Every structure is written in C-alpha cells, then in structure tokens.
C-alpha cells in the first residue's frame, strides 16, 4: 500500500522528490503517514479535502482485497 500512496502523491505534486510515506502497523491496522512539501499540501488535500478523500477511498478498496485496515494521515 505504501507504494500505491507514494505513486499517487508523486503524480499530484510539483516536488515529487519530497514525497515521503512512512508505514507503521499498530493493533493490526496499517498506518501510512504521507509527507509532502509545504507548497504541495493543497494539491494533495484538494478543495474541501476531496483529493485526500479520494486517495483514502482507493487505498481502502485496495486494502479490502487483503483484509487490511489502512489509515492515511497527511502531514
């Protein structure tokens, strides 16, 4: 899942070299922390959080194949 989030984020931002995804597992849930450049934050979040919600939806759907619960935090 880490690679999926990283690929989507790099396609959206102006500074793809600054995209970092940190994966941790807590209580059986996978937590992904997405870090982007300050100037790219709006592109990843989108108006009213629509892009962030879409990223979460895609990753949630991909996680259902493997019965994983995935939580994404944008930092």
N, C-alpha and C. Protein backbone atom coordinates (compact mmCIF):
# COMPACT_ATOMS: atom_id res chain seq x y z
N UNK A 1 0.82 -1.20 0.00
CA UNK A 1 0.00 0.00 0.00
C UNK A 1 0.86 1.26 0.00
N UNK A 2 2.01 1.15 0.64
CA UNK A 2 2.92 2.29 0.71
C UNK A 2 3.28 2.77 -0.69
N UNK A 3 3.57 1.84 -1.58
CA UNK A 3 3.96 2.19 -2.94
C UNK A 3 2.80 2.84 -3.69
N UNK A 4 1.59 2.38 -3.46
CA UNK A 4 0.41 2.94 -4.11
C UNK A 4 0.21 4.40 -3.71
N UNK A 5 0.28 4.68 -2.42
CA UNK A 5 0.10 6.05 -1.93
C UNK A 5 1.22 6.94 -2.46
N UNK A 6 2.44 6.43 -2.46
CA UNK A 6 3.58 7.20 -2.94
C UNK A 6 3.43 7.53 -4.42
N UNK A 7 2.98 6.57 -5.21
CA UNK A 7 2.81 6.79 -6.64
C UNK A 7 1.73 7.85 -6.91
N UNK A 8 0.61 7.76 -6.20
CA UNK A 8 -0.47 8.73 -6.39
C UNK A 8 -0.01 10.12 -5.99
N UNK A 9 0.66 10.24 -4.85
CA UNK A 9 1.10 11.55 -4.36
C UNK A 9 2.13 12.17 -5.30
N UNK A 10 3.07 11.37 -5.80
CA UNK A 10 4.09 11.91 -6.70
C UNK A 10 3.49 12.41 -8.00
N UNK A 11 2.39 11.81 -8.43
CA UNK A 11 1.72 12.25 -9.66
C UNK A 11 1.00 13.59 -9.46
N UNK A 12 0.66 13.91 -8.22
CA UNK A 12 -0.11 15.12 -7.94
C UNK A 12 0.74 16.36 -7.67
N UNK A 13 1.93 16.20 -7.14
CA UNK A 13 2.71 17.33 -6.62
C UNK A 13 3.72 17.87 -7.62
N UNK A 14 4.24 19.07 -7.32
CA UNK A 14 5.28 19.70 -8.14
C UNK A 14 6.68 19.23 -7.74
N UNK A 15 6.83 18.79 -6.49
CA UNK A 15 8.12 18.35 -5.97
C UNK A 15 8.04 16.86 -5.57
N UNK A 16 8.04 15.96 -6.54
CA UNK A 16 7.87 14.53 -6.21
C UNK A 16 9.02 13.95 -5.40
N UNK A 17 10.19 14.58 -5.44
CA UNK A 17 11.32 14.07 -4.68
C UNK A 17 11.15 14.29 -3.18
N UNK A 18 10.22 15.15 -2.78
CA UNK A 18 9.99 15.42 -1.36
C UNK A 18 8.83 14.61 -0.77
N UNK A 19 8.25 13.71 -1.55
CA UNK A 19 7.17 12.86 -1.06
C UNK A 19 7.76 11.71 -0.25
N UNK A 20 7.28 11.57 0.99
CA UNK A 20 7.75 10.51 1.88
C UNK A 20 6.53 9.82 2.48
N UNK A 21 6.52 8.50 2.43
CA UNK A 21 5.44 7.72 3.04
C UNK A 21 6.06 6.80 4.09
N UNK A 22 5.60 6.93 5.32
CA UNK A 22 6.09 6.10 6.42
C UNK A 22 4.98 5.14 6.82
N UNK A 23 5.32 3.86 6.85
CA UNK A 23 4.34 2.82 7.16
C UNK A 23 4.61 2.22 8.53
N UNK A 24 3.59 2.18 9.38
CA UNK A 24 3.69 1.53 10.68
C UNK A 24 2.46 0.66 10.88
N UNK A 25 2.62 -0.38 11.68
CA UNK A 25 1.50 -1.27 11.99
C UNK A 25 1.22 -1.19 13.48
N UNK A 26 -0.02 -0.83 13.82
CA UNK A 26 -0.45 -0.73 15.22
C UNK A 26 -1.77 -1.46 15.37
N UNK A 27 -1.84 -2.35 16.33
CA UNK A 27 -3.08 -3.06 16.65
C UNK A 27 -3.72 -3.72 15.43
N UNK A 28 -2.91 -4.20 14.51
CA UNK A 28 -3.43 -4.87 13.33
C UNK A 28 -3.83 -3.93 12.20
N UNK A 29 -3.77 -2.63 12.44
CA UNK A 29 -4.08 -1.63 11.41
C UNK A 29 -2.78 -1.10 10.82
N UNK A 30 -2.81 -0.81 9.54
CA UNK A 30 -1.65 -0.22 8.88
C UNK A 30 -1.86 1.28 8.83
N UNK A 31 -0.92 2.03 9.39
CA UNK A 31 -0.97 3.49 9.37
C UNK A 31 0.06 4.00 8.37
N UNK A 32 -0.39 4.81 7.42
CA UNK A 32 0.50 5.42 6.44
C UNK A 32 0.53 6.91 6.69
N UNK A 33 1.73 7.45 6.86
CA UNK A 33 1.90 8.88 7.09
C UNK A 33 2.51 9.47 5.82
N UNK A 34 1.77 10.34 5.17
CA UNK A 34 2.19 10.96 3.92
C UNK A 34 2.71 12.35 4.19
N UNK A 35 3.97 12.58 3.82
CA UNK A 35 4.59 13.90 3.98
C UNK A 35 4.93 14.45 2.61
N UNK A 36 4.52 15.70 2.36
CA UNK A 36 4.84 16.38 1.10
C UNK A 36 5.39 17.76 1.42
N UNK A 37 5.92 18.42 0.40
CA UNK A 37 6.43 19.78 0.57
C UNK A 37 5.29 20.71 0.99
N UNK A 38 5.62 21.73 1.73
CA UNK A 38 4.63 22.69 2.22
C UNK A 38 3.81 23.30 1.07
N UNK A 39 4.48 23.59 -0.04
CA UNK A 39 3.79 24.21 -1.17
C UNK A 39 2.86 23.24 -1.91
N UNK A 40 3.05 21.94 -1.71
CA UNK A 40 2.23 20.93 -2.38
C UNK A 40 1.07 20.43 -1.51
N UNK A 41 0.98 20.90 -0.30
CA UNK A 41 -0.04 20.40 0.62
C UNK A 41 -1.45 20.58 0.06
N UNK A 42 -1.73 21.71 -0.53
CA UNK A 42 -3.05 21.98 -1.09
C UNK A 42 -3.40 21.06 -2.25
N UNK A 43 -2.41 20.66 -3.01
CA UNK A 43 -2.65 19.77 -4.15
C UNK A 43 -3.00 18.37 -3.69
N UNK A 44 -2.45 17.95 -2.57
CA UNK A 44 -2.72 16.61 -2.06
C UNK A 44 -4.05 16.58 -1.31
N UNK A 45 -4.40 17.67 -0.65
CA UNK A 45 -5.66 17.72 0.11
C UNK A 45 -6.83 18.06 -0.80
N UNK A 46 -6.67 19.03 -1.67
CA UNK A 46 -7.73 19.42 -2.59
C UNK A 46 -8.78 20.29 -1.93
N UNK A 47 -9.68 20.80 -2.75
CA UNK A 47 -10.76 21.64 -2.22
C UNK A 47 -11.68 20.80 -1.35
N UNK A 48 -11.89 21.28 -0.14
CA UNK A 48 -12.73 20.62 0.85
C UNK A 48 -12.31 19.17 1.10
N UNK A 49 -11.02 18.86 0.86
CA UNK A 49 -10.49 17.54 1.16
C UNK A 49 -10.88 16.46 0.17
N UNK A 50 -11.31 16.85 -1.01
CA UNK A 50 -11.80 15.86 -1.98
C UNK A 50 -10.70 14.92 -2.48
N UNK A 51 -9.52 15.45 -2.75
CA UNK A 51 -8.45 14.59 -3.25
C UNK A 51 -7.97 13.65 -2.15
N UNK A 52 -7.83 14.17 -0.93
CA UNK A 52 -7.42 13.33 0.19
C UNK A 52 -8.44 12.21 0.41
N UNK A 53 -9.71 12.54 0.31
CA UNK A 53 -10.77 11.54 0.48
C UNK A 53 -10.70 10.49 -0.63
N UNK A 54 -10.40 10.93 -1.85
CA UNK A 54 -10.30 10.00 -2.98
C UNK A 54 -9.11 9.06 -2.80
N UNK A 55 -7.98 9.60 -2.32
CA UNK A 55 -6.81 8.75 -2.06
C UNK A 55 -7.16 7.70 -1.00
N UNK A 56 -7.82 8.13 0.06
CA UNK A 56 -8.20 7.20 1.13
C UNK A 56 -9.16 6.13 0.60
N UNK A 57 -10.08 6.50 -0.28
CA UNK A 57 -11.03 5.55 -0.84
C UNK A 57 -10.34 4.50 -1.69
N UNK A 58 -9.40 4.93 -2.53
CA UNK A 58 -8.68 3.99 -3.39
C UNK A 58 -7.86 3.02 -2.54
N UNK A 59 -7.18 3.53 -1.53
CA UNK A 59 -6.35 2.68 -0.68
C UNK A 59 -7.22 1.74 0.16
N UNK A 60 -8.36 2.22 0.60
CA UNK A 60 -9.26 1.37 1.37
C UNK A 60 -9.77 0.22 0.50
N UNK A 61 -10.10 0.52 -0.75
CA UNK A 61 -10.57 -0.52 -1.66
C UNK A 61 -9.47 -1.54 -1.94
N UNK A 62 -8.24 -1.07 -2.10
CA UNK A 62 -7.13 -1.99 -2.33
C UNK A 62 -6.85 -2.83 -1.09
N UNK A 63 -7.04 -2.26 0.08
CA UNK A 63 -6.83 -2.99 1.32
C UNK A 63 -7.88 -4.05 1.59
N UNK A 64 -9.06 -3.89 1.02
CA UNK A 64 -10.12 -4.87 1.22
C UNK A 64 -9.78 -6.21 0.57
N UNK A 65 -8.94 -6.17 -0.46
CA UNK A 65 -8.53 -7.42 -1.11
C UNK A 65 -7.73 -8.30 -0.16
N UNK A 66 -6.95 -7.66 0.70
CA UNK A 66 -6.09 -8.41 1.63
C UNK A 66 -6.62 -8.35 3.06
N UNK A 67 -7.85 -7.90 3.25
CA UNK A 67 -8.46 -7.76 4.57
C UNK A 67 -7.62 -6.92 5.52
N UNK A 68 -7.05 -5.84 5.01
CA UNK A 68 -6.27 -4.90 5.82
C UNK A 68 -7.10 -3.65 6.07
N UNK A 69 -6.90 -3.06 7.23
CA UNK A 69 -7.48 -1.75 7.50
C UNK A 69 -6.34 -0.75 7.43
N UNK A 70 -6.47 0.23 6.54
CA UNK A 70 -5.39 1.17 6.28
C UNK A 70 -5.86 2.58 6.62
N UNK A 71 -5.05 3.28 7.39
CA UNK A 71 -5.35 4.63 7.82
C UNK A 71 -4.28 5.55 7.25
N UNK A 72 -4.67 6.62 6.57
CA UNK A 72 -3.72 7.55 5.97
C UNK A 72 -3.80 8.89 6.68
N UNK A 73 -2.65 9.37 7.11
CA UNK A 73 -2.52 10.70 7.71
C UNK A 73 -1.66 11.54 6.81
N UNK A 74 -2.14 12.73 6.47
CA UNK A 74 -1.36 13.65 5.64
C UNK A 74 -0.75 14.70 6.56
N UNK A 75 0.59 14.74 6.54
CA UNK A 75 1.31 15.63 7.46
C UNK A 75 1.99 16.71 6.67
